PDB file of N, CA and C in Angstrom:
ATOM      1  N   MET A   1      91.356  67.885 -41.013  1.00  0.00           N
ATOM      2  CA  MET A   1      91.572  66.455 -41.146  1.00  0.00           C
ATOM      3  C   MET A   1      90.216  65.780 -41.371  1.00  0.00           C
ATOM      4  N   TYR A   2      90.186  64.868 -42.303  1.00  0.00           N
ATOM      5  CA  TYR A   2      88.984  64.087 -42.592  1.00  0.00           C
ATOM      6  C   TYR A   2      89.133  62.693 -41.985  1.00  0.00           C
ATOM      7  N   TYR A   3      88.040  62.166 -41.445  1.00  0.00           N
ATOM      8  CA  TYR A   3      88.046  60.845 -40.829  1.00  0.00           C
ATOM      9  C   TYR A   3      86.888  60.023 -41.385  1.00  0.00           C
ATOM     10  N   LEU A   4      87.105  58.723 -41.503  1.00  0.00           N
ATOM     11  CA  LEU A   4      86.003  57.821 -41.821  1.00  0.00           C
ATOM     12  C   LEU A   4      86.177  56.541 -41.030  1.00  0.00           C
ATOM     13  N   THR A   5      85.056  55.876 -40.804  1.00  0.00           N
ATOM     14  CA  THR A   5      85.036  54.610 -40.078  1.00  0.00           C
ATOM     15  C   THR A   5      84.179  53.625 -40.856  1.00  0.00           C
ATOM     16  N   LYS A   6      84.689  52.423 -41.031  1.00  0.00           N
ATOM     17  CA  LYS A   6      83.954  51.352 -41.708  1.00  0.00           C
ATOM     18  C   LYS A   6      83.894  50.164 -40.761  1.00  0.00           C
ATOM     19  N   ARG A   7      82.686  49.689 -40.466  1.00  0.00           N
ATOM     20  CA  ARG A   7      82.462  48.530 -39.604  1.00  0.00           C
ATOM     21  C   ARG A   7      82.085  47.359 -40.492  1.00  0.00           C
ATOM     22  N   ILE A   8      82.777  46.250 -40.312  1.00  0.00           N
ATOM     23  CA  ILE A   8      82.575  45.073 -41.149  1.00  0.00           C
ATOM     24  C   ILE A   8      82.403  43.859 -40.246  1.00  0.00           C
ATOM     25  N   GLU A   9      81.461  43.003 -40.584  1.00  0.00           N
ATOM     26  CA  GLU A   9      81.285  41.745 -39.865  1.00  0.00           C
ATOM     27  C   GLU A   9      81.662  40.602 -40.784  1.00  0.00           C
ATOM     28  N   ILE A  10      82.514  39.710 -40.275  1.00  0.00           N
ATOM     29  CA  ILE A  10      82.912  38.537 -41.039  1.00  0.00           C
ATOM     30  C   ILE A  10      82.788  37.297 -40.170  1.00  0.00           C
ATOM     31  N   SER A  11      82.731  36.165 -40.822  1.00  0.00           N
ATOM     32  CA  SER A  11      82.823  34.874 -40.147  1.00  0.00           C
ATOM     33  C   SER A  11      84.102  34.227 -40.630  1.00  0.00           C
ATOM     34  N   ALA A  12      84.914  33.769 -39.689  1.00  0.00           N
ATOM     35  CA  ALA A  12      86.177  33.138 -40.067  1.00  0.00           C
ATOM     36  C   ALA A  12      86.640  32.230 -38.937  1.00  0.00           C
ATOM     37  N   SER A  13      87.416  31.226 -39.316  1.00  0.00           N
ATOM     38  CA  SER A  13      87.964  30.300 -38.328  1.00  0.00           C
ATOM     39  C   SER A  13      89.473  30.466 -38.250  1.00  0.00           C
ATOM     40  N   HIS A  14      90.012  29.974 -37.145  1.00  0.00           N
ATOM     41  CA  HIS A  14      91.463  29.972 -36.964  1.00  0.00           C
ATOM     42  C   HIS A  14      91.802  29.028 -35.824  1.00  0.00           C
ATOM     43  N   ARG A  15      93.072  28.811 -35.666  1.00  0.00           N
ATOM     44  CA  ARG A  15      93.594  28.165 -34.466  1.00  0.00           C
ATOM     45  C   ARG A  15      94.877  28.895 -34.129  1.00  0.00           C
ATOM     46  N   LEU A  16      95.094  29.076 -32.852  1.00  0.00           N
ATOM     47  CA  LEU A  16      96.261  29.834 -32.419  1.00  0.00           C
ATOM     48  C   LEU A  16      97.411  28.905 -32.060  1.00  0.00           C
ATOM     49  N   CYS A  17      98.601  29.335 -32.363  1.00  0.00           N
ATOM     50  CA  CYS A  17      99.824  28.632 -31.973  1.00  0.00           C
ATOM     51  C   CYS A  17     100.320  29.322 -30.710  1.00  0.00           C
ATOM     52  N   LEU A  18     100.181  28.641 -29.579  1.00  0.00           N
ATOM     53  CA  LEU A  18     100.511  29.238 -28.286  1.00  0.00           C
ATOM     54  C   LEU A  18     101.546  28.398 -27.553  1.00  0.00           C
ATOM     55  N   ASP A  19     102.306  29.026 -26.668  1.00  0.00           N
ATOM     56  CA  ASP A  19     103.301  28.291 -25.895  1.00  0.00           C
ATOM     57  C   ASP A  19     102.766  27.879 -24.522  1.00  0.00           C
ATOM     58  N   TYR A  20     101.448  27.851 -24.391  1.00  0.00           N
ATOM     59  CA  TYR A  20     100.788  27.373 -23.177  1.00  0.00           C
ATOM     60  C   TYR A  20      99.526  26.627 -23.587  1.00  0.00           C
ATOM     61  N   GLU A  21      98.989  25.843 -22.682  1.00  0.00           N
ATOM     62  CA  GLU A  21      97.805  25.046 -22.978  1.00  0.00           C
ATOM     63  C   GLU A  21      96.571  25.947 -23.030  1.00  0.00           C
ATOM     64  N   SER A  22      95.805  25.798 -24.107  1.00  0.00           N
ATOM     65  CA  SER A  22      94.613  26.616 -24.293  1.00  0.00           C
ATOM     66  C   SER A  22      93.687  25.939 -25.281  1.00  0.00           C
ATOM     67  N   LYS A  23      92.381  26.086 -25.073  1.00  0.00           N
ATOM     68  CA  LYS A  23      91.429  25.533 -26.035  1.00  0.00           C
ATOM     69  C   LYS A  23      91.504  26.268 -27.375  1.00  0.00           C
ATOM     70  N   CYS A  24      92.121  27.446 -27.389  1.00  0.00           N
ATOM     71  CA  CYS A  24      92.230  28.226 -28.627  1.00  0.00           C
ATOM     72  C   CYS A  24      93.238  27.647 -29.615  1.00  0.00           C
ATOM     73  N   THR A  25      93.994  26.633 -29.193  1.00  0.00           N
ATOM     74  CA  THR A  25      94.900  25.971 -30.135  1.00  0.00           C
ATOM     75  C   THR A  25      94.139  24.996 -31.035  1.00  0.00           C
ATOM     76  N   GLN A  26      92.887  24.750 -30.694  1.00  0.00           N
ATOM     77  CA  GLN A  26      92.033  23.899 -31.516  1.00  0.00           C
ATOM     78  C   GLN A  26      91.303  24.766 -32.552  1.00  0.00           C
ATOM     79  N   LEU A  27      90.972  24.168 -33.672  1.00  0.00           N
ATOM     80  CA  LEU A  27      90.221  24.880 -34.705  1.00  0.00           C
ATOM     81  C   LEU A  27      88.893  25.376 -34.134  1.00  0.00           C
ATOM     82  N   HIS A  28      88.623  26.660 -34.342  1.00  0.00           N
ATOM     83  CA  HIS A  28      87.369  27.255 -33.887  1.00  0.00           C
ATOM     84  C   HIS A  28      87.081  28.496 -34.723  1.00  0.00           C
ATOM     85  N   GLY A  29      85.869  29.007 -34.634  1.00  0.00           N
ATOM     86  CA  GLY A  29      85.491  30.165 -35.430  1.00  0.00           C
ATOM     87  C   GLY A  29      84.867  31.261 -34.602  1.00  0.00           C
ATOM     88  N   HIS A  30      84.784  32.422 -35.223  1.00  0.00           N
ATOM     89  CA  HIS A  30      84.185  33.596 -34.593  1.00  0.00           C
ATOM     90  C   HIS A  30      83.362  34.346 -35.638  1.00  0.00           C
ATOM     91  N   ASN A  31      82.411  35.112 -35.157  1.00  0.00           N
ATOM     92  CA  ASN A  31      81.765  36.147 -35.959  1.00  0.00           C
ATOM     93  C   ASN A  31      82.453  37.440 -35.544  1.00  0.00           C
ATOM     94  N   TRP A  32      83.446  37.817 -36.323  1.00  0.00           N
ATOM     95  CA  TRP A  32      84.312  38.941 -36.018  1.00  0.00           C
ATOM     96  C   TRP A  32      83.646  40.265 -36.391  1.00  0.00           C
ATOM     97  N   ILE A  33      83.897  41.285 -35.605  1.00  0.00           N
ATOM     98  CA  ILE A  33      83.507  42.650 -35.968  1.00  0.00           C
ATOM     99  C   ILE A  33      84.800  43.448 -36.094  1.00  0.00           C
ATOM    100  N   ILE A  34      85.034  43.965 -37.290  1.00  0.00           N
ATOM    101  CA  ILE A  34      86.258  44.699 -37.584  1.00  0.00           C
ATOM    102  C   ILE A  34      85.886  46.137 -37.899  1.00  0.00           C
ATOM    103  N   THR A  35      86.489  47.062 -37.177  1.00  0.00           N
ATOM    104  CA  THR A  35      86.240  48.480 -37.396  1.00  0.00           C
ATOM    105  C   THR A  35      87.528  49.122 -37.892  1.00  0.00           C
ATOM    106  N   VAL A  36      87.453  49.681 -39.089  1.00  0.00           N
ATOM    107  CA  VAL A  36      88.600  50.286 -39.753  1.00  0.00           C
ATOM    108  C   VAL A  36      88.436  51.803 -39.710  1.00  0.00           C
ATOM    109  N   HIS A  37      89.467  52.487 -39.251  1.00  0.00           N
ATOM    110  CA  HIS A  37      89.460  53.946 -39.150  1.00  0.00           C
ATOM    111  C   HIS A  37      90.522  54.502 -40.099  1.00  0.00           C
ATOM    112  N   CYS A  38      90.126  55.444 -40.945  1.00  0.00           N
ATOM    113  CA  CYS A  38      91.052  56.074 -41.888  1.00  0.00           C
ATOM    114  C   CYS A  38      90.993  57.585 -41.727  1.00  0.00           C
ATOM    115  N   ARG A  39      92.070  58.246 -42.163  1.00  0.00           N
ATOM    116  CA  ARG A  39      92.106  59.709 -42.091  1.00  0.00           C
ATOM    117  C   ARG A  39      92.988  60.249 -43.204  1.00  0.00           C
ATOM    118  N   ALA A  40      92.733  61.501 -43.559  1.00  0.00           N
ATOM    119  CA  ALA A  40      93.552  62.182 -44.564  1.00  0.00           C
ATOM    120  C   ALA A  40      93.400  63.688 -44.390  1.00  0.00           C
ATOM    121  N   LYS A  41      94.478  64.392 -44.655  1.00  0.00           N
ATOM    122  CA  LYS A  41      94.420  65.864 -44.607  1.00  0.00           C
ATOM    123  C   LYS A  41      93.688  66.405 -45.821  1.00  0.00           C
ATOM    124  N   GLU A  42      93.822  65.721 -46.939  1.00  0.00           N
ATOM    125  CA  GLU A  42      93.182  66.127 -48.186  1.00  0.00           C
ATOM    126  C   GLU A  42      92.384  64.960 -48.746  1.00  0.00           C
ATOM    127  N   LEU A  43      91.279  65.268 -49.381  1.00  0.00           N
ATOM    128  CA  LEU A  43      90.489  64.230 -50.038  1.00  0.00           C
ATOM    129  C   LEU A  43      91.107  63.898 -51.387  1.00  0.00           C
ATOM    130  N   ASP A  44      90.873  62.678 -51.858  1.00  0.00           N
ATOM    131  CA  ASP A  44      91.398  62.294 -53.171  1.00  0.00           C
ATOM    132  C   ASP A  44      90.584  62.972 -54.270  1.00  0.00           C
ATOM    133  N   ARG A  45      90.923  62.693 -55.520  1.00  0.00           N
ATOM    134  CA  ARG A  45      90.255  63.375 -56.651  1.00  0.00           C
ATOM    135  C   ARG A  45      88.771  63.053 -56.746  1.00  0.00           C
ATOM    136  N   ASN A  46      88.335  62.000 -56.025  1.00  0.00           N
ATOM    137  CA  ASN A  46      86.915  61.650 -55.988  1.00  0.00           C
ATOM    138  C   ASN A  46      86.203  62.210 -54.766  1.00  0.00           C
ATOM    139  N   GLY A  47      86.924  62.971 -53.951  1.00  0.00           N
ATOM    140  CA  GLY A  47      86.324  63.558 -52.755  1.00  0.00           C
ATOM    141  C   GLY A  47      86.227  62.595 -51.591  1.00  0.00           C
ATOM    142  N   MET A  48      87.154  61.601 -51.544  1.00  0.00           N
ATOM    143  CA  MET A  48      87.109  60.588 -50.492  1.00  0.00           C
ATOM    144  C   MET A  48      88.431  60.496 -49.754  1.00  0.00           C
ATOM    145  N   VAL A  49      88.347  60.018 -48.505  1.00  0.00           N
ATOM    146  CA  VAL A  49      89.551  59.639 -47.757  1.00  0.00           C
ATOM    147  C   VAL A  49      90.032  58.310 -48.314  1.00  0.00           C
ATOM    148  N   THR A  50      89.163  57.321 -48.286  1.00  0.00           N
ATOM    149  CA  THR A  50      89.360  55.992 -48.854  1.00  0.00           C
ATOM    150  C   THR A  50      87.978  55.476 -49.201  1.00  0.00           C
ATOM    151  N   ASP A  51      87.832  54.832 -50.319  1.00  0.00           N
ATOM    152  CA  ASP A  51      86.529  54.329 -50.749  1.00  0.00           C
ATOM    153  C   ASP A  51      86.061  53.210 -49.809  1.00  0.00           C
ATOM    154  N   PHE A  52      84.857  53.337 -49.264  1.00  0.00           N
ATOM    155  CA  PHE A  52      84.299  52.315 -48.382  1.00  0.00           C
ATOM    156  C   PHE A  52      84.302  50.939 -49.051  1.00  0.00           C
ATOM    157  N   THR A  53      84.023  50.904 -50.351  1.00  0.00           N
ATOM    158  CA  THR A  53      83.996  49.640 -51.082  1.00  0.00           C
ATOM    159  C   THR A  53      85.375  48.997 -51.123  1.00  0.00           C
ATOM    160  N   ASP A  54      86.419  49.782 -51.262  1.00  0.00           N
ATOM    161  CA  ASP A  54      87.779  49.238 -51.259  1.00  0.00           C
ATOM    162  C   ASP A  54      88.134  48.636 -49.906  1.00  0.00           C
ATOM    163  N   ILE A  55      87.708  49.280 -48.833  1.00  0.00           N
ATOM    164  CA  ILE A  55      87.952  48.740 -47.491  1.00  0.00           C
ATOM    165  C   ILE A  55      87.244  47.397 -47.353  1.00  0.00           C
ATOM    166  N   LYS A  56      85.981  47.362 -47.743  1.00  0.00           N
ATOM    167  CA  LYS A  56      85.204  46.122 -47.651  1.00  0.00           C
ATOM    168  C   LYS A  56      85.841  45.026 -48.497  1.00  0.00           C
ATOM    169  N   ARG A  57      86.257  45.365 -49.692  1.00  0.00           N
ATOM    170  CA  ARG A  57      86.878  44.380 -50.584  1.00  0.00           C
ATOM    171  C   ARG A  57      88.171  43.839 -49.981  1.00  0.00           C
ATOM    172  N   THR A  58      88.976  44.708 -49.413  1.00  0.00           N
ATOM    173  CA  THR A  58      90.242  44.294 -48.815  1.00  0.00           C
ATOM    174  C   THR A  58      90.010  43.349 -47.646  1.00  0.00           C
ATOM    175  N   VAL A  59      89.103  43.694 -46.756  1.00  0.00           N
ATOM    176  CA  VAL A  59      88.881  42.897 -45.545  1.00  0.00           C
ATOM    177  C   VAL A  59      88.040  41.660 -45.849  1.00  0.00           C
ATOM    178  N   MET A  60      86.847  41.866 -46.368  1.00  0.00           N
ATOM    179  CA  MET A  60      85.951  40.726 -46.605  1.00  0.00           C
ATOM    180  C   MET A  60      86.481  39.800 -47.695  1.00  0.00           C
ATOM    181  N   GLY A  61      87.050  40.394 -48.723  1.00  0.00           N
ATOM    182  CA  GLY A  61      87.533  39.595 -49.837  1.00  0.00           C
ATOM    183  C   GLY A  61      88.600  38.593 -49.447  1.00  0.00           C
ATOM    184  N   GLN A  62      89.362  38.912 -48.419  1.00  0.00           N
ATOM    185  CA  GLN A  62      90.431  38.011 -47.998  1.00  0.00           C
ATOM    186  C   GLN A  62      90.101  37.209 -46.747  1.00  0.00           C
ATOM    187  N   LEU A  63      89.245  37.732 -45.874  1.00  0.00           N
ATOM    188  CA  LEU A  63      89.050  37.106 -44.573  1.00  0.00           C
ATOM    189  C   LEU A  63      87.703  36.446 -44.349  1.00  0.00           C
ATOM    190  N   ASP A  64      86.655  36.903 -45.018  1.00  0.00           N
ATOM    191  CA  ASP A  64      85.319  36.376 -44.733  1.00  0.00           C
ATOM    192  C   ASP A  64      85.195  34.919 -45.167  1.00  0.00           C
ATOM    193  N   HIS A  65      84.673  34.093 -44.273  1.00  0.00           N
ATOM    194  CA  HIS A  65      84.480  32.659 -44.492  1.00  0.00           C
ATOM    195  C   HIS A  65      85.784  31.963 -44.878  1.00  0.00           C
ATOM    196  N   ALA A  66      86.861  32.394 -44.242  1.00  0.00           N
ATOM    197  CA  ALA A  66      88.179  31.823 -44.515  1.00  0.00           C
ATOM    198  C   ALA A  66      88.726  31.137 -43.263  1.00  0.00           C
ATOM    199  N   TYR A  67      89.668  30.234 -43.500  1.00  0.00           N
ATOM    200  CA  TYR A  67      90.477  29.672 -42.427  1.00  0.00           C
ATOM    201  C   TYR A  67      91.706  30.570 -42.363  1.00  0.00           C
ATOM    202  N   LEU A  68      91.760  31.436 -41.376  1.00  0.00           N
ATOM    203  CA  LEU A  68      92.747  32.509 -41.324  1.00  0.00           C
ATOM    204  C   LEU A  68      94.188  32.012 -41.340  1.00  0.00           C
ATOM    205  N   ASN A  69      94.446  30.833 -40.805  1.00  0.00           N
ATOM    206  CA  ASN A  69      95.803  30.290 -40.812  1.00  0.00           C
ATOM    207  C   ASN A  69      96.309  30.059 -42.233  1.00  0.00           C
ATOM    208  N   ASP A  70      95.392  29.875 -43.182  1.00  0.00           N
ATOM    209  CA  ASP A  70      95.775  29.697 -44.581  1.00  0.00           C
ATOM    210  C   ASP A  70      95.899  31.026 -45.330  1.00  0.00           C
ATOM    211  N   VAL A  71      95.425  32.107 -44.731  1.00  0.00           N
ATOM    212  CA  VAL A  71      95.392  33.403 -45.410  1.00  0.00           C
ATOM    213  C   VAL A  71      96.575  34.280 -45.026  1.00  0.00           C
ATOM    214  N   VAL A  72      96.907  34.306 -43.759  1.00  0.00           N
ATOM    215  CA  VAL A  72      97.958  35.208 -43.283  1.00  0.00           C
ATOM    216  C   VAL A  72      99.205  34.429 -42.869  1.00  0.00           C
ATOM    217  N   PRO A  73     100.382  35.027 -43.030  1.00  0.00           N
ATOM    218  CA  PRO A  73     101.631  34.322 -42.729  1.00  0.00           C
ATOM    219  C   PRO A  73     102.111  34.511 -41.282  1.00  0.00           C
ATOM    220  N   PHE A  74     101.180  34.603 -40.345  1.00  0.00           N
ATOM    221  CA  PHE A  74     101.534  34.813 -38.947  1.00  0.00           C
ATOM    222  C   PHE A  74     100.470  34.159 -38.077  1.00  0.00           C
ATOM    223  N   ASN A  75     100.717  34.086 -36.795  1.00  0.00           N
ATOM    224  CA  ASN A  75      99.752  33.554 -35.842  1.00  0.00           C
ATOM    225  C   ASN A  75      98.530  34.485 -35.838  1.00  0.00           C
ATOM    226  N   PRO A  76      97.359  34.003 -36.265  1.00  0.00           N
ATOM    227  CA  PRO A  76      96.206  34.895 -36.472  1.00  0.00           C
ATOM    228  C   PRO A  76      95.467  35.294 -35.191  1.00  0.00           C
ATOM    229  N   THR A  77      96.192  35.944 -34.299  1.00  0.00           N
ATOM    230  CA  THR A  77      95.550  36.524 -33.120  1.00  0.00           C
ATOM    231  C   THR A  77      94.798  37.785 -33.552  1.00  0.00           C
ATOM    232  N   ALA A  78      93.889  38.237 -32.729  1.00  0.00           N
ATOM    233  CA  ALA A  78      93.161  39.478 -33.030  1.00  0.00           C
ATOM    234  C   ALA A  78      94.130  40.648 -33.159  1.00  0.00           C
ATOM    235  N   GLU A  79      95.166  40.669 -32.326  1.00  0.00           N
ATOM    236  CA  GLU A  79      96.153  41.744 -32.362  1.00  0.00           C
ATOM    237  C   GLU A  79      96.907  41.760 -33.695  1.00  0.00           C
ATOM    238  N   ASN A  80      97.374  40.588 -34.126  1.00  0.00           N
ATOM    239  CA  ASN A  80      98.105  40.505 -35.395  1.00  0.00           C
ATOM    240  C   ASN A  80      97.208  40.830 -36.583  1.00  0.00           C
ATOM    241  N   LEU A  81      95.946  40.403 -36.526  1.00  0.00           N
ATOM    242  CA  LEU A  81      95.013  40.712 -37.613  1.00  0.00           C
ATOM    243  C   LEU A  81      94.762  42.215 -37.696  1.00  0.00           C
ATOM    244  N   ALA A  82      94.633  42.871 -36.542  1.00  0.00           N
ATOM    245  CA  ALA A  82      94.403  44.319 -36.537  1.00  0.00           C
ATOM    246  C   ALA A  82      95.549  45.043 -37.233  1.00  0.00           C
ATOM    247  N   ARG A  83      96.772  44.663 -36.938  1.00  0.00           N
ATOM    248  CA  ARG A  83      97.928  45.314 -37.578  1.00  0.00           C
ATOM    249  C   ARG A  83      97.946  45.039 -39.076  1.00  0.00           C
ATOM    250  N   TRP A  84      97.720  43.798 -39.461  1.00  0.00           N
ATOM    251  CA  TRP A  84      97.748  43.413 -40.872  1.00  0.00           C
ATOM    252  C   TRP A  84      96.699  44.179 -41.682  1.00  0.00           C
ATOM    253  N   ILE A  85      95.495  44.305 -41.130  1.00  0.00           N
ATOM    254  CA  ILE A  85      94.435  45.053 -41.816  1.00  0.00           C
ATOM    255  C   ILE A  85      94.834  46.519 -41.933  1.00  0.00           C
ATOM    256  N   CYS A  86      95.338  47.081 -40.847  1.00  0.00           N
ATOM    257  CA  CYS A  86      95.731  48.491 -40.853  1.00  0.00           C
ATOM    258  C   CYS A  86      96.782  48.761 -41.927  1.00  0.00           C
ATOM    259  N   GLU A  87      97.718  47.855 -42.079  1.00  0.00           N
ATOM    260  CA  GLU A  87      98.770  48.021 -43.085  1.00  0.00           C
ATOM    261  C   GLU A  87      98.282  47.746 -44.502  1.00  0.00           C
ATOM    262  N   SER A  88      97.112  47.132 -44.646  1.00  0.00           N
ATOM    263  CA  SER A  88      96.574  46.772 -45.965  1.00  0.00           C
ATOM    264  C   SER A  88      95.615  47.802 -46.543  1.00  0.00           C
ATOM    265  N   VAL A  89      95.095  48.685 -45.709  1.00  0.00           N
ATOM    266  CA  VAL A  89      94.080  49.653 -46.139  1.00  0.00           C
ATOM    267  C   VAL A  89      94.712  51.045 -46.241  1.00  0.00           C
ATOM    268  N   PRO A  90      94.597  51.699 -47.400  1.00  0.00           N
ATOM    269  CA  PRO A  90      95.158  53.046 -47.551  1.00  0.00           C
ATOM    270  C   PRO A  90      94.577  54.034 -46.532  1.00  0.00           C
ATOM    271  N   ASN A  91      95.434  54.873 -45.993  1.00  0.00           N
ATOM    272  CA  ASN A  91      95.065  55.934 -45.048  1.00  0.00           C
ATOM    273  C   ASN A  91      94.556  55.418 -43.705  1.00  0.00           C
ATOM    274  N   CYS A  92      94.717  54.137 -43.445  1.00  0.00           N
ATOM    275  CA  CYS A  92      94.248  53.572 -42.179  1.00  0.00           C
ATOM    276  C   CYS A  92      95.221  53.927 -41.064  1.00  0.00           C
ATOM    277  N   TYR A  93      94.661  54.313 -39.912  1.00  0.00           N
ATOM    278  CA  TYR A  93      95.500  54.610 -38.758  1.00  0.00           C
ATOM    279  C   TYR A  93      95.094  53.806 -37.532  1.00  0.00           C
ATOM    280  N   ARG A  94      93.932  53.133 -37.605  1.00  0.00           N
ATOM    281  CA  ARG A  94      93.474  52.330 -36.465  1.00  0.00           C
ATOM    282  C   ARG A  94      92.545  51.234 -36.953  1.00  0.00           C
ATOM    283  N   VAL A  95      92.696  50.065 -36.358  1.00  0.00           N
ATOM    284  CA  VAL A  95      91.777  48.958 -36.597  1.00  0.00           C
ATOM    285  C   VAL A  95      91.449  48.318 -35.259  1.00  0.00           C
ATOM    286  N   ASP A  96      90.156  48.073 -35.023  1.00  0.00           N
ATOM    287  CA  ASP A  96      89.683  47.351 -33.851  1.00  0.00           C
ATOM    288  C   ASP A  96      89.127  46.011 -34.331  1.00  0.00           C
ATOM    289  N   VAL A  97      89.593  44.929 -33.728  1.00  0.00           N
ATOM    290  CA  VAL A  97      89.141  43.589 -34.096  1.00  0.00           C
ATOM    291  C   VAL A  97      88.477  42.968 -32.879  1.00  0.00           C
ATOM    292  N   GLN A  98      87.175  42.726 -32.986  1.00  0.00           N
ATOM    293  CA  GLN A  98      86.426  42.072 -31.919  1.00  0.00           C
ATOM    294  C   GLN A  98      86.167  40.639 -32.357  1.00  0.00           C
ATOM    295  N   GLU A  99      86.757  39.686 -31.621  1.00  0.00           N
ATOM    296  CA  GLU A  99      86.559  38.288 -31.999  1.00  0.00           C
ATOM    297  C   GLU A  99      85.398  37.664 -31.241  1.00  0.00           C
ATOM    298  N   SER A 100      85.037  38.239 -30.115  1.00  0.00           N
ATOM    299  CA  SER A 100      83.867  37.797 -29.358  1.00  0.00           C
ATOM    300  C   SER A 100      83.449  38.936 -28.441  1.00  0.00           C
ATOM    301  N   GLU A 101      82.266  38.835 -27.884  1.00  0.00           N
ATOM    302  CA  GLU A 101      81.739  39.893 -27.033  1.00  0.00           C
ATOM    303  C   GLU A 101      82.715  40.193 -25.899  1.00  0.00           C
ATOM    304  N   GLY A 102      83.140  41.444 -25.820  1.00  0.00           N
ATOM    305  CA  GLY A 102      84.018  41.865 -24.749  1.00  0.00           C
ATOM    306  C   GLY A 102      85.506  41.666 -25.005  1.00  0.00           C
ATOM    307  N   ASN A 103      85.863  41.034 -26.135  1.00  0.00           N
ATOM    308  CA  ASN A 103      87.281  40.792 -26.457  1.00  0.00           C
ATOM    309  C   ASN A 103      87.653  41.539 -27.723  1.00  0.00           C
ATOM    310  N   ILE A 104      88.316  42.682 -27.552  1.00  0.00           N
ATOM    311  CA  ILE A 104      88.662  43.558 -28.670  1.00  0.00           C
ATOM    312  C   ILE A 104      90.153  43.870 -28.602  1.00  0.00           C
ATOM    313  N   ALA A 105      90.805  43.734 -29.750  1.00  0.00           N
ATOM    314  CA  ALA A 105      92.209  44.134 -29.890  1.00  0.00           C
ATOM    315  C   ALA A 105      92.278  45.291 -30.864  1.00  0.00           C
ATOM    316  N   SER A 106      93.150  46.246 -30.594  1.00  0.00           N
ATOM    317  CA  SER A 106      93.297  47.416 -31.451  1.00  0.00           C
ATOM    318  C   SER A 106      94.747  47.569 -31.873  1.00  0.00           C
ATOM    319  N   TYR A 107      94.918  48.092 -33.077  1.00  0.00           N
ATOM    320  CA  TYR A 107      96.239  48.502 -33.557  1.00  0.00           C
ATOM    321  C   TYR A 107      96.099  49.935 -34.023  1.00  0.00           C
ATOM    322  N   VAL A 108      96.974  50.818 -33.521  1.00  0.00           N
ATOM    323  CA  VAL A 108      96.900  52.236 -33.826  1.00  0.00           C
ATOM    324  C   VAL A 108      98.272  52.735 -34.256  1.00  0.00           C
ATOM    325  N   ILE A 109      98.294  53.456 -35.368  1.00  0.00           N
ATOM    326  CA  ILE A 109      99.511  54.113 -35.808  1.00  0.00           C
ATOM    327  C   ILE A 109      99.523  55.508 -35.199  1.00  0.00           C
ATOM    328  N   ASP A 110     100.559  55.825 -34.477  1.00  0.00           N
ATOM    329  CA  ASP A 110     100.659  57.159 -33.851  1.00  0.00           C
ATOM    330  C   ASP A 110     101.108  58.200 -34.840  1.00  0.00           C
TER     331      ASP A 110
END
């Protein structure tokens, strides 16, 4: 099995839709750290699991310097973003989304 990891830093804003009172319902931003993990039993015809540039293009191209509520059709929590990224990147099985120091959400396909 082949594995690769791509770490990406983006800046993006969002506001959360919550059913309780929280300062996170107000517009705010983060310097996010997103770690994408991919795997494959066989390499593609170019000798890769997934091209690092394609991962960067998928994540940064859609999320960097964006208002996430305008980009994704769901409540842009770190958990929901992790799943969305994982489903958007070929061969991805895990995504870790760190929105601030010590706050990391992961989505893993078993």
